[in-house]
Amino acid sequence: MSKTVVILQPSYLPWLGFFDQLYQSDVFVVYDDVQYDKNGWRNRNRIKTERGAQWLTVPVYIKNKPKINEVMIDNKNDWPQKHLQAIKTNYGKSPYFKKYYDGFSQILLKKHERLLDLNLELIEFFAKELGIEREICLSSKLNVGGEKISRLINICKHLGADRFFEGAAGKNYIQKEEFDKSGVRIDFQDYQHPVYRQLFGDFAPYLSIIDLLFNEGENSLKIILSSNKNS
């Protein structure tokens, strides 16, 4: 029986394609022991407002070149209240705001110390609300070595997987032949962003999952999967 592994760095309030990858997996590995990318998606994402997309950024301490699981949140200012106020202001009138806001806000108000812990709890919350039940584990807990591509292959083998499902960006740096030689098949995500109802005028793609949930509720997973053209 085929077994699919996805290995993905955690993001703050991830976009729809993140949850498509989670859905496609049998085991979802959170890649938490690789270098933190300072200007990436680990600590920020976007919501929709009347004036266009707005960034929500979790303030963090960055020293030297930390791994993702070493990054600490800067809780000196009350960033959770700022994020929640922005979300209330822009989604308070959306059809499913009340359905998700309380559970979501409780997670933000916990004042997590590590960014990883915050992101993990949010990912698990969204997965549950979407109805996606998958095994989720941390790469740091697997004790699997290797450099770059070889480590991805080693993780797949360690978990007994014969298929690795990678994001579209992986085509830029992963040689498919390396996977072919290992006996692990690699498929790349080809995610065509769906259109759904939003507030504030013309449709804006590539926003946080909360934009979809607040606007479409229990239809959200069906919408996430509706434009899936994975190769």
Protein backbone atom coordinates (compact mmCIF):
# COMPACT_ATOMS: atom_id res chain seq x y z
CA MET A 1 0.00 0.00 0.00
CA SER A 2 1.38 3.38 -1.02
CA LYS A 3 2.39 5.87 1.67
CA THR A 4 2.92 9.58 1.04
CA VAL A 5 5.09 11.90 3.09
CA VAL A 6 5.08 15.70 2.96
CA ILE A 7 7.97 17.61 4.56
CA LEU A 8 7.20 21.29 4.99
CA GLN A 9 8.43 24.21 7.06
CA PRO A 10 5.76 25.61 9.41
CA SER A 11 4.14 28.94 8.59
CA TYR A 12 2.10 31.48 10.53
CA LEU A 13 -1.56 31.37 9.42
CA PRO A 14 -0.63 29.40 6.26
CA TRP A 15 -2.15 29.77 2.80
CA LEU A 16 -4.52 27.29 1.16
CA GLY A 17 -1.79 25.33 -0.65
CA PHE A 18 -0.22 24.41 2.69
CA PHE A 19 -3.40 22.58 3.69
CA ASP A 20 -3.68 20.96 0.27
CA GLN A 21 -0.26 19.41 0.95
CA LEU A 22 -1.36 18.35 4.41
CA TYR A 23 -4.44 16.69 2.91
CA GLN A 24 -2.38 14.85 0.28
CA SER A 25 -0.09 13.33 2.93
CA ASP A 26 -0.30 10.20 5.03
CA VAL A 27 2.41 11.58 7.30
CA PHE A 28 3.05 15.32 7.47
CA VAL A 29 6.53 16.19 8.70
CA VAL A 30 7.01 19.69 10.08
CA TYR A 31 10.56 20.61 9.03
CA ASP A 32 11.53 22.41 12.21
CA ASP A 33 15.29 21.85 12.47
CA VAL A 34 16.44 23.69 9.34
CA GLN A 35 17.63 27.29 9.17
CA TYR A 36 15.01 29.97 9.77
CA ASP A 37 14.44 32.20 6.74
CA LYS A 38 14.15 35.72 8.04
CA ASN A 39 11.95 37.19 5.31
CA GLY A 40 9.83 34.14 4.63
CA TRP A 41 6.44 32.93 5.85
CA ARG A 42 7.46 31.47 9.21
CA ASN A 43 6.22 34.47 11.21
CA ARG A 44 3.87 36.35 8.90
CA ASN A 45 1.01 36.15 6.47
CA ARG A 46 -1.61 38.34 4.84
CA ILE A 47 -5.30 39.06 5.33
CA LYS A 48 -7.70 41.03 3.15
CA THR A 49 -8.83 44.55 4.05
CA GLU A 50 -10.79 47.32 2.39
CA ARG A 51 -7.47 48.79 1.28
CA GLY A 52 -5.99 45.54 -0.03
CA ALA A 53 -3.79 42.90 1.56
CA GLN A 54 -2.36 43.56 5.03
CA TRP A 55 0.57 41.75 6.64
CA LEU A 56 0.23 40.26 10.12
CA THR A 57 3.73 39.68 11.51
CA VAL A 58 4.71 37.96 14.75
CA PRO A 59 7.74 39.81 16.22
CA VAL A 60 10.66 37.48 16.86
CA TYR A 61 14.21 37.54 18.22
CA ILE A 62 16.81 36.62 15.62
CA LYS A 63 20.43 36.00 16.60
CA ASN A 64 23.04 34.51 14.29
CA LYS A 65 21.37 31.87 12.09
CA PRO A 66 18.86 30.00 14.26
CA LYS A 67 16.94 26.90 13.33
CA ILE A 68 13.18 27.27 13.09
CA ASN A 69 12.66 25.51 16.41
CA GLU A 70 15.04 27.93 18.14
CA VAL A 71 13.24 31.16 17.20
CA MET A 72 11.64 32.93 20.16
CA ILE A 73 8.70 35.33 20.03
CA ASP A 74 9.18 38.92 21.20
CA ASN A 75 6.23 39.31 23.57
CA LYS A 76 7.23 42.75 24.87
CA ASN A 77 4.45 44.40 22.91
CA ASP A 78 0.90 43.09 22.71
CA TRP A 79 1.06 41.83 19.12
CA PRO A 80 -1.76 39.24 19.64
CA GLN A 81 -4.24 42.00 20.40
CA LYS A 82 -3.10 43.93 17.33
CA HIS A 83 -3.57 40.89 15.12
CA LEU A 84 -6.95 40.07 16.65
CA GLN A 85 -8.13 43.64 16.28
CA ALA A 86 -7.12 43.67 12.61
CA ILE A 87 -8.95 40.37 12.09
CA LYS A 88 -12.08 41.60 13.91
CA THR A 89 -12.11 44.82 11.90
CA ASN A 90 -11.80 43.08 8.54
CA TYR A 91 -13.67 39.81 9.09
CA GLY A 92 -16.23 40.70 11.77
CA LYS A 93 -19.00 40.80 9.14
CA SER A 94 -17.94 37.64 7.31
CA PRO A 95 -20.47 34.75 7.39
CA TYR A 96 -18.44 32.36 9.57
CA PHE A 97 -16.51 34.77 11.78
CA LYS A 98 -18.26 33.70 14.99
CA LYS A 99 -17.79 30.00 14.22
CA TYR A 100 -13.98 30.18 14.33
CA TYR A 101 -12.92 33.37 16.07
CA ASP A 102 -13.09 32.25 19.71
CA GLY A 103 -11.01 29.09 19.24
CA PHE A 104 -8.52 30.94 17.07
CA SER A 105 -8.17 33.89 19.43
CA GLN A 106 -7.57 31.63 22.45
CA ILE A 107 -4.46 30.24 20.73
CA LEU A 108 -3.04 33.69 19.97
CA LEU A 109 -3.67 34.92 23.51
CA LYS A 110 -1.65 32.10 25.11
CA LYS A 111 1.59 34.09 24.73
CA HIS A 112 3.71 31.24 23.38
CA GLU A 113 7.46 31.62 23.83
CA ARG A 114 8.58 29.72 20.72
CA LEU A 115 7.30 30.59 17.25
CA LEU A 116 7.21 26.88 16.40
CA ASP A 117 4.76 26.12 19.24
CA LEU A 118 2.42 28.89 18.13
CA ASN A 119 2.51 27.77 14.50
CA LEU A 120 2.01 24.12 15.38
CA GLU A 121 -1.03 24.81 17.53
CA LEU A 122 -2.56 26.99 14.81
CA ILE A 123 -1.89 24.38 12.11
CA GLU A 124 -3.52 21.68 14.22
CA PHE A 125 -6.50 23.96 14.94
CA PHE A 126 -7.05 24.74 11.25
CA ALA A 127 -6.60 21.10 10.24
CA LYS A 128 -9.26 20.04 12.74
CA GLU A 129 -11.69 22.74 11.60
CA LEU A 130 -11.12 21.74 7.96
CA GLY A 131 -11.72 18.09 8.81
CA ILE A 132 -8.19 16.91 7.91
CA GLU A 133 -6.91 14.14 10.18
CA ARG A 134 -3.29 13.25 9.48
CA GLU A 135 -0.26 12.09 11.43
CA ILE A 136 1.89 15.17 12.12
CA CYS A 137 5.44 14.87 13.42
CA LEU A 138 8.55 17.03 13.82
CA SER A 139 11.69 16.36 11.78
CA SER A 140 13.76 17.16 14.89
CA LYS A 141 12.24 14.17 16.68
CA LEU A 142 12.96 11.64 13.93
CA ASN A 143 16.75 11.50 14.41
CA VAL A 144 17.30 11.17 10.67
CA GLY A 145 20.52 12.56 9.18
CA GLY A 146 21.65 13.56 5.71
CA GLU A 147 22.27 16.71 3.74
CA LYS A 148 19.53 18.55 1.89
CA ILE A 149 17.93 16.19 -0.67
CA SER A 150 19.42 13.04 0.86
CA ARG A 151 17.79 13.92 4.17
CA LEU A 152 14.38 14.26 2.55
CA ILE A 153 14.84 10.81 1.04
CA ASN A 154 16.08 9.39 4.35
CA ILE A 155 13.04 10.77 6.17
CA CYS A 156 10.72 9.16 3.63
CA LYS A 157 12.47 5.81 4.03
CA HIS A 158 12.50 6.13 7.82
CA LEU A 159 8.72 6.57 7.75
CA GLY A 160 8.21 3.71 5.29
CA ALA A 161 6.98 5.99 2.50
CA ASP A 162 7.29 5.27 -1.21
CA ARG A 163 6.05 8.70 -2.33
CA PHE A 164 7.20 12.23 -1.52
CA PHE A 165 4.82 15.08 -2.28
CA GLU A 166 6.68 18.36 -2.72
CA GLY A 167 5.61 21.95 -3.29
CA ALA A 168 5.96 23.49 -6.73
CA ALA A 169 9.04 25.48 -5.71
CA GLY A 170 10.90 22.19 -5.21
CA LYS A 171 11.20 21.85 -8.98
CA ASN A 172 13.83 24.60 -8.83
CA TYR A 173 16.28 22.68 -6.66
CA ILE A 174 15.31 19.01 -6.44
CA GLN A 175 16.68 16.62 -9.04
CA LYS A 176 13.94 14.07 -9.65
CA GLU A 177 16.60 11.50 -10.59
CA GLU A 178 17.90 11.43 -7.00
CA PHE A 179 14.49 10.27 -5.81
CA ASP A 180 14.10 7.83 -8.70
CA LYS A 181 17.40 6.15 -7.77
CA SER A 182 16.28 5.86 -4.13
CA GLY A 183 13.04 4.08 -4.95
CA VAL A 184 10.94 6.94 -3.58
CA ARG A 185 8.65 8.57 -6.13
CA ILE A 186 8.40 12.35 -6.09
CA ASP A 187 5.38 14.31 -7.26
CA PHE A 188 5.19 18.10 -7.32
CA GLN A 189 2.19 20.15 -6.27
CA ASP A 190 0.52 22.07 -9.09
CA TYR A 191 -1.95 24.13 -7.12
CA GLN A 192 -4.38 26.28 -9.09
CA HIS A 193 -5.77 28.78 -6.61
CA PRO A 194 -9.58 28.56 -6.32
CA VAL A 195 -11.86 31.57 -6.29
CA TYR A 196 -14.33 31.87 -3.41
CA ARG A 197 -16.45 34.62 -1.90
CA GLN A 198 -14.64 37.40 -0.08
CA LEU A 199 -15.47 40.76 1.39
CA PHE A 200 -14.13 44.00 -0.14
CA GLY A 201 -14.42 43.84 -3.90
CA ASP A 202 -12.31 41.90 -6.38
CA PHE A 203 -10.97 38.50 -5.40
CA ALA A 204 -7.47 38.43 -3.89
CA PRO A 205 -5.59 35.09 -3.91
CA TYR A 206 -2.73 33.76 -1.75
CA LEU A 207 -4.02 34.97 1.60
CA SER A 208 -4.08 33.21 4.97
CA ILE A 209 -6.38 30.23 5.49
CA ILE A 210 -8.46 32.39 7.84
CA ASP A 211 -9.73 34.38 4.84
CA LEU A 212 -11.27 31.21 3.42
CA LEU A 213 -12.58 29.86 6.73
CA PHE A 214 -14.27 33.09 7.80
CA ASN A 215 -15.93 33.44 4.38
CA GLU A 216 -16.80 29.84 3.46
CA GLY A 217 -16.92 27.84 6.71
CA GLU A 218 -17.56 24.12 6.30
CA ASN A 219 -17.21 24.40 2.51
CA SER A 220 -13.54 25.35 2.92
CA LEU A 221 -11.91 21.94 2.42
CA LYS A 222 -13.97 21.24 -0.69
CA ILE A 223 -12.85 24.62 -2.07
CA ILE A 224 -9.18 23.96 -1.21
CA LEU A 225 -9.28 20.68 -3.15
CA SER A 226 -11.44 21.94 -6.04
CA SER A 227 -8.57 23.27 -8.15
CA ASN A 228 -6.01 20.58 -7.37
CA LYS A 229 -4.08 19.56 -10.49
CA ASN A 230 -1.16 17.80 -8.88
CA SER A 231 1.32 16.12 -11.17
